Amino acid sequence: MHLDGRSKLESFKTDVSRITYSDSKLHVLLLCMAVARKWPGVYANAVDPGWVPTKMGGRGAPDALQKGYETQVWLAASNERSAKLSGRYFYHQKESRCNPEADDVELQERFLNLCREITGVSFD
């Protein structure tokens, strides 16, 4: 859903009702990419679990429930070279394209500064 998201950082201060679910998924991805960049010794990746049959996904979801957690387990426990990456976006154990805004370092920094302003907690 993040592919349809827009950063809309100004909306955090003016009207949070303008922030959509897709926008919030982009915000999570921005945070992930910032963690990967700032903490190179830590694996930080984002995962699309797919459309799985959960309360949110509904019974008609086309993916098997197992697909919803397989990639996270693989990234956390695998010794495969393809799982030892950071700052990436995965879908069903494969690197996938993500919203190009997520790779914008200046936008990541603006997002981290906004988080600090809101929470009083610095990322560094």
N, C-alpha and C. Protein backbone atom coordinates (compact mmCIF):
# COMPACT_ATOMS: atom_id res chain seq x y z
N MET A 1 0.81 -1.20 0.00
CA MET A 1 0.00 0.00 0.00
C MET A 1 0.86 1.27 0.00
N HIS A 2 2.11 1.16 0.44
CA HIS A 2 2.97 2.34 0.52
C HIS A 2 3.23 2.96 -0.85
N LEU A 3 3.09 2.19 -1.92
CA LEU A 3 3.37 2.72 -3.26
C LEU A 3 2.44 3.88 -3.60
N ASP A 4 1.23 3.88 -3.05
CA ASP A 4 0.30 4.98 -3.28
C ASP A 4 0.43 6.08 -2.23
N GLY A 5 1.32 5.89 -1.26
CA GLY A 5 1.48 6.86 -0.19
C GLY A 5 2.31 8.07 -0.60
N ARG A 6 2.08 9.15 0.09
CA ARG A 6 2.85 10.39 -0.07
C ARG A 6 3.32 10.80 1.33
N SER A 7 4.45 11.44 1.42
CA SER A 7 5.01 11.74 2.73
C SER A 7 4.14 12.70 3.55
N LYS A 8 3.63 13.75 2.95
CA LYS A 8 2.73 14.70 3.62
C LYS A 8 3.18 15.07 5.04
N LEU A 9 4.47 15.31 5.22
CA LEU A 9 4.97 15.59 6.56
C LEU A 9 4.33 16.82 7.18
N GLU A 10 3.97 17.80 6.36
CA GLU A 10 3.32 19.01 6.89
C GLU A 10 1.98 18.69 7.55
N SER A 11 1.35 17.61 7.14
CA SER A 11 0.04 17.25 7.70
C SER A 11 0.13 16.81 9.15
N PHE A 12 1.31 16.39 9.61
CA PHE A 12 1.46 16.02 11.01
C PHE A 12 1.22 17.22 11.92
N LYS A 13 1.52 18.41 11.41
CA LYS A 13 1.36 19.62 12.21
C LYS A 13 0.06 20.36 11.94
N THR A 14 -0.56 20.09 10.80
CA THR A 14 -1.75 20.86 10.43
C THR A 14 -3.04 20.07 10.49
N ASP A 15 -3.04 18.86 9.91
CA ASP A 15 -4.29 18.10 9.85
C ASP A 15 -3.96 16.62 9.62
N VAL A 16 -3.79 15.87 10.71
CA VAL A 16 -3.41 14.45 10.58
C VAL A 16 -4.50 13.62 9.90
N SER A 17 -5.71 14.14 9.82
CA SER A 17 -6.77 13.39 9.14
C SER A 17 -6.49 13.27 7.64
N ARG A 18 -5.57 14.06 7.13
CA ARG A 18 -5.21 13.99 5.71
C ARG A 18 -4.21 12.86 5.43
N ILE A 19 -3.66 12.27 6.49
CA ILE A 19 -2.70 11.18 6.32
C ILE A 19 -3.47 9.88 6.13
N THR A 20 -3.23 9.22 5.01
CA THR A 20 -3.95 7.99 4.69
C THR A 20 -3.19 6.77 5.20
N TYR A 21 -3.85 5.63 5.14
CA TYR A 21 -3.20 4.37 5.49
C TYR A 21 -1.96 4.15 4.62
N SER A 22 -2.08 4.42 3.33
CA SER A 22 -0.95 4.28 2.41
C SER A 22 0.19 5.21 2.80
N ASP A 23 -0.14 6.43 3.21
CA ASP A 23 0.89 7.37 3.67
C ASP A 23 1.61 6.80 4.89
N SER A 24 0.85 6.22 5.83
CA SER A 24 1.46 5.69 7.04
C SER A 24 2.40 4.52 6.73
N LYS A 25 2.09 3.75 5.71
CA LYS A 25 2.97 2.65 5.30
C LYS A 25 4.27 3.21 4.71
N LEU A 26 4.18 4.32 3.99
CA LEU A 26 5.38 4.99 3.49
C LEU A 26 6.20 5.52 4.66
N HIS A 27 5.56 6.04 5.69
CA HIS A 27 6.29 6.55 6.87
C HIS A 27 7.07 5.42 7.54
N VAL A 28 6.47 4.24 7.65
CA VAL A 28 7.17 3.09 8.22
C VAL A 28 8.38 2.75 7.38
N LEU A 29 8.23 2.79 6.07
CA LEU A 29 9.34 2.49 5.17
C LEU A 29 10.44 3.55 5.27
N LEU A 30 10.07 4.81 5.40
CA LEU A 30 11.06 5.89 5.60
C LEU A 30 11.88 5.61 6.86
N LEU A 31 11.20 5.23 7.92
CA LEU A 31 11.88 4.93 9.18
C LEU A 31 12.83 3.75 9.01
N CYS A 32 12.37 2.71 8.35
CA CYS A 32 13.21 1.53 8.11
C CYS A 32 14.48 1.90 7.34
N MET A 33 14.32 2.66 6.29
CA MET A 33 15.47 3.02 5.47
C MET A 33 16.43 3.93 6.24
N ALA A 34 15.91 4.77 7.10
CA ALA A 34 16.76 5.63 7.92
C ALA A 34 17.55 4.78 8.93
N VAL A 35 16.89 3.81 9.54
CA VAL A 35 17.58 2.91 10.48
C VAL A 35 18.70 2.17 9.77
N ALA A 36 18.41 1.64 8.60
CA ALA A 36 19.43 0.89 7.84
C ALA A 36 20.62 1.78 7.51
N ARG A 37 20.35 3.02 7.17
CA ARG A 37 21.43 3.95 6.79
C ARG A 37 22.24 4.39 8.00
N LYS A 38 21.57 4.68 9.12
CA LYS A 38 22.25 5.23 10.28
C LYS A 38 22.91 4.16 11.16
N TRP A 39 22.38 2.95 11.12
CA TRP A 39 22.91 1.86 11.94
C TRP A 39 23.35 0.72 11.04
N PRO A 40 24.49 0.84 10.37
CA PRO A 40 24.92 -0.18 9.40
C PRO A 40 25.16 -1.56 10.00
N GLY A 41 25.35 -1.65 11.30
CA GLY A 41 25.57 -2.94 11.94
C GLY A 41 24.29 -3.69 12.27
N VAL A 42 23.16 -3.11 11.90
CA VAL A 42 21.85 -3.71 12.20
C VAL A 42 21.13 -3.99 10.88
N TYR A 43 20.54 -5.16 10.78
CA TYR A 43 19.72 -5.44 9.61
C TYR A 43 18.36 -4.79 9.81
N ALA A 44 17.99 -3.91 8.91
CA ALA A 44 16.68 -3.24 8.97
C ALA A 44 16.07 -3.32 7.58
N ASN A 45 14.98 -4.05 7.48
CA ASN A 45 14.30 -4.22 6.20
C ASN A 45 12.80 -4.05 6.40
N ALA A 46 12.12 -3.76 5.33
CA ALA A 46 10.66 -3.67 5.36
C ALA A 46 10.10 -4.85 4.58
N VAL A 47 8.94 -5.31 5.01
CA VAL A 47 8.33 -6.50 4.41
C VAL A 47 6.86 -6.24 4.09
N ASP A 48 6.48 -6.61 2.90
CA ASP A 48 5.08 -6.64 2.51
C ASP A 48 4.60 -8.06 2.77
N PRO A 49 3.72 -8.27 3.75
CA PRO A 49 3.28 -9.63 4.06
C PRO A 49 2.31 -10.20 3.03
N GLY A 50 1.85 -9.37 2.13
CA GLY A 50 0.87 -9.81 1.15
C GLY A 50 -0.55 -9.67 1.71
N TRP A 51 -1.49 -10.07 0.90
CA TRP A 51 -2.89 -10.00 1.31
C TRP A 51 -3.26 -11.38 1.83
N VAL A 52 -3.26 -11.49 3.14
CA VAL A 52 -3.48 -12.78 3.79
C VAL A 52 -4.79 -12.77 4.58
N PRO A 53 -5.37 -13.95 4.81
CA PRO A 53 -6.66 -14.03 5.49
C PRO A 53 -6.54 -13.79 7.00
N THR A 54 -6.63 -12.54 7.39
CA THR A 54 -6.64 -12.15 8.79
C THR A 54 -7.92 -11.35 9.02
N LYS A 55 -8.12 -10.85 10.24
CA LYS A 55 -9.29 -10.00 10.48
C LYS A 55 -9.27 -8.80 9.55
N MET A 56 -8.09 -8.24 9.32
CA MET A 56 -7.99 -7.08 8.44
C MET A 56 -8.09 -7.48 6.97
N GLY A 57 -7.42 -8.57 6.59
CA GLY A 57 -7.38 -9.00 5.20
C GLY A 57 -8.66 -9.67 4.72
N GLY A 58 -9.40 -10.25 5.65
CA GLY A 58 -10.65 -10.92 5.31
C GLY A 58 -10.44 -12.34 4.80
N ARG A 59 -11.50 -13.09 4.79
CA ARG A 59 -11.44 -14.50 4.38
C ARG A 59 -11.11 -14.68 2.90
N GLY A 60 -11.42 -13.69 2.09
CA GLY A 60 -11.21 -13.82 0.66
C GLY A 60 -9.81 -13.47 0.19
N ALA A 61 -8.89 -13.20 1.12
CA ALA A 61 -7.52 -12.85 0.74
C ALA A 61 -6.88 -13.98 -0.06
N PRO A 62 -6.18 -13.66 -1.14
CA PRO A 62 -5.65 -14.70 -2.03
C PRO A 62 -4.39 -15.42 -1.55
N ASP A 63 -3.63 -14.82 -0.65
CA ASP A 63 -2.40 -15.47 -0.18
C ASP A 63 -2.70 -16.38 1.02
N ALA A 64 -1.87 -17.39 1.21
CA ALA A 64 -1.98 -18.25 2.38
C ALA A 64 -1.49 -17.49 3.60
N LEU A 65 -2.08 -17.76 4.75
CA LEU A 65 -1.69 -17.08 5.99
C LEU A 65 -0.19 -17.22 6.24
N GLN A 66 0.38 -18.38 5.94
CA GLN A 66 1.81 -18.63 6.14
C GLN A 66 2.66 -17.61 5.39
N LYS A 67 2.21 -17.18 4.23
CA LYS A 67 2.97 -16.19 3.45
C LYS A 67 3.12 -14.88 4.20
N GLY A 68 2.20 -14.60 5.12
CA GLY A 68 2.24 -13.35 5.87
C GLY A 68 3.41 -13.22 6.82
N TYR A 69 3.97 -14.35 7.24
CA TYR A 69 5.09 -14.28 8.18
C TYR A 69 6.37 -14.95 7.69
N GLU A 70 6.31 -15.69 6.61
CA GLU A 70 7.49 -16.41 6.10
C GLU A 70 8.70 -15.50 5.87
N THR A 71 8.47 -14.36 5.26
CA THR A 71 9.61 -13.49 4.92
C THR A 71 10.27 -12.93 6.17
N GLN A 72 9.47 -12.54 7.17
CA GLN A 72 10.05 -12.02 8.40
C GLN A 72 10.91 -13.08 9.09
N VAL A 73 10.41 -14.31 9.15
CA VAL A 73 11.16 -15.40 9.78
C VAL A 73 12.44 -15.67 8.99
N TRP A 74 12.33 -15.70 7.68
CA TRP A 74 13.49 -15.92 6.83
C TRP A 74 14.55 -14.84 7.04
N LEU A 75 14.14 -13.59 7.06
CA LEU A 75 15.10 -12.50 7.26
C LEU A 75 15.75 -12.57 8.64
N ALA A 76 14.99 -12.98 9.65
CA ALA A 76 15.52 -13.02 11.01
C ALA A 76 16.42 -14.22 11.27
N ALA A 77 16.16 -15.35 10.61
CA ALA A 77 16.85 -16.57 10.99
C ALA A 77 17.74 -17.18 9.91
N SER A 78 17.61 -16.77 8.70
CA SER A 78 18.35 -17.41 7.60
C SER A 78 19.80 -16.96 7.56
N ASN A 79 20.64 -17.88 7.15
CA ASN A 79 22.03 -17.55 6.90
C ASN A 79 22.30 -17.37 5.41
N GLU A 80 21.24 -17.42 4.61
CA GLU A 80 21.40 -17.21 3.17
C GLU A 80 21.89 -15.79 2.90
N ARG A 81 22.77 -15.69 1.93
CA ARG A 81 23.31 -14.37 1.57
C ARG A 81 22.20 -13.39 1.19
N SER A 82 21.16 -13.89 0.52
CA SER A 82 20.07 -13.03 0.06
C SER A 82 19.23 -12.49 1.21
N ALA A 83 19.39 -13.04 2.41
CA ALA A 83 18.67 -12.55 3.58
C ALA A 83 19.54 -11.62 4.45
N LYS A 84 20.80 -11.53 4.16
CA LYS A 84 21.73 -10.72 4.94
C LYS A 84 21.93 -9.35 4.30
N LEU A 85 20.84 -8.68 4.06
CA LEU A 85 20.83 -7.35 3.45
C LEU A 85 20.16 -6.38 4.41
N SER A 86 20.34 -5.11 4.17
CA SER A 86 19.70 -4.10 5.00
C SER A 86 19.25 -2.95 4.10
N GLY A 87 18.18 -2.28 4.55
CA GLY A 87 17.67 -1.15 3.78
C GLY A 87 16.95 -1.59 2.52
N ARG A 88 16.31 -2.75 2.59
CA ARG A 88 15.63 -3.30 1.42
C ARG A 88 14.15 -3.51 1.73
N TYR A 89 13.42 -3.78 0.68
CA TYR A 89 11.98 -4.03 0.77
C TYR A 89 11.71 -5.40 0.16
N PHE A 90 11.04 -6.27 0.92
CA PHE A 90 10.82 -7.64 0.47
C PHE A 90 9.33 -7.99 0.37
N TYR A 91 9.05 -8.86 -0.58
CA TYR A 91 7.72 -9.45 -0.75
C TYR A 91 7.94 -10.92 -1.08
N HIS A 92 7.42 -11.79 -0.25
CA HIS A 92 7.55 -13.24 -0.43
C HIS A 92 9.00 -13.67 -0.69
N GLN A 93 9.87 -13.25 0.20
CA GLN A 93 11.30 -13.60 0.23
C GLN A 93 12.08 -13.13 -0.99
N LYS A 94 11.57 -12.14 -1.67
CA LYS A 94 12.29 -11.57 -2.80
C LYS A 94 12.31 -10.05 -2.66
N GLU A 95 13.44 -9.48 -3.00
CA GLU A 95 13.53 -8.03 -2.98
C GLU A 95 12.56 -7.47 -4.01
N SER A 96 11.86 -6.44 -3.62
CA SER A 96 10.83 -5.86 -4.47
C SER A 96 11.02 -4.35 -4.56
N ARG A 97 10.40 -3.75 -5.56
CA ARG A 97 10.52 -2.30 -5.71
C ARG A 97 9.68 -1.62 -4.63
N CYS A 98 10.13 -0.45 -4.25
CA CYS A 98 9.38 0.33 -3.26
C CYS A 98 9.25 1.77 -3.74
N ASN A 99 8.45 2.52 -3.04
CA ASN A 99 8.24 3.93 -3.35
C ASN A 99 9.59 4.65 -3.31
N PRO A 100 9.97 5.32 -4.38
CA PRO A 100 11.28 5.98 -4.43
C PRO A 100 11.46 7.04 -3.35
N GLU A 101 10.38 7.57 -2.81
CA GLU A 101 10.50 8.55 -1.72
C GLU A 101 11.23 7.95 -0.52
N ALA A 102 11.11 6.64 -0.33
CA ALA A 102 11.73 5.99 0.82
C ALA A 102 13.25 6.08 0.79
N ASP A 103 13.83 6.20 -0.38
CA ASP A 103 15.29 6.27 -0.51
C ASP A 103 15.83 7.70 -0.45
N ASP A 104 14.96 8.67 -0.32
CA ASP A 104 15.34 10.08 -0.28
C ASP A 104 15.89 10.41 1.11
N VAL A 105 17.21 10.53 1.22
CA VAL A 105 17.87 10.76 2.51
C VAL A 105 17.39 12.05 3.16
N GLU A 106 17.22 13.09 2.38
CA GLU A 106 16.74 14.37 2.93
C GLU A 106 15.33 14.20 3.53
N LEU A 107 14.48 13.47 2.85
CA LEU A 107 13.13 13.21 3.36
C LEU A 107 13.18 12.35 4.62
N GLN A 108 14.06 11.36 4.64
CA GLN A 108 14.23 10.55 5.84
C GLN A 108 14.61 11.43 7.03
N GLU A 109 15.55 12.34 6.81
CA GLU A 109 16.00 13.23 7.89
C GLU A 109 14.87 14.16 8.35
N ARG A 110 14.12 14.66 7.41
CA ARG A 110 12.97 15.51 7.78
C ARG A 110 11.96 14.72 8.60
N PHE A 111 11.74 13.47 8.22
CA PHE A 111 10.82 12.61 8.97
C PHE A 111 11.34 12.35 10.38
N LEU A 112 12.64 12.03 10.50
CA LEU A 112 13.22 11.80 11.83
C LEU A 112 13.14 13.06 12.69
N ASN A 113 13.39 14.22 12.10
CA ASN A 113 13.28 15.47 12.86
C ASN A 113 11.86 15.71 13.32
N LEU A 114 10.90 15.41 12.48
CA LEU A 114 9.49 15.55 12.85
C LEU A 114 9.15 14.61 13.99
N CYS A 115 9.62 13.38 13.91
CA CYS A 115 9.38 12.42 15.00
C CYS A 115 9.96 12.94 16.31
N ARG A 116 11.16 13.53 16.25
CA ARG A 116 11.78 14.10 17.45
C ARG A 116 10.95 15.25 17.99
N GLU A 117 10.45 16.11 17.11
CA GLU A 117 9.61 17.24 17.54
C GLU A 117 8.35 16.74 18.25
N ILE A 118 7.74 15.71 17.70
CA ILE A 118 6.49 15.18 18.26
C ILE A 118 6.70 14.44 19.56
N THR A 119 7.78 13.62 19.62
CA THR A 119 7.99 12.74 20.79
C THR A 119 8.96 13.28 21.81
N GLY A 120 9.85 14.19 21.38
CA GLY A 120 10.91 14.66 22.27
C GLY A 120 12.08 13.69 22.33
N VAL A 121 12.06 12.64 21.53
CA VAL A 121 13.11 11.63 21.52
C VAL A 121 13.91 11.75 20.23
N SER A 122 15.24 11.89 20.39
CA SER A 122 16.12 11.97 19.23
C SER A 122 16.48 10.58 18.74
N PHE A 123 16.59 10.42 17.46
CA PHE A 123 16.92 9.12 16.86
C PHE A 123 18.38 8.75 17.08
N ASP A 124 19.25 9.73 17.05
CA ASP A 124 20.69 9.44 17.14
C ASP A 124 21.11 9.00 18.52
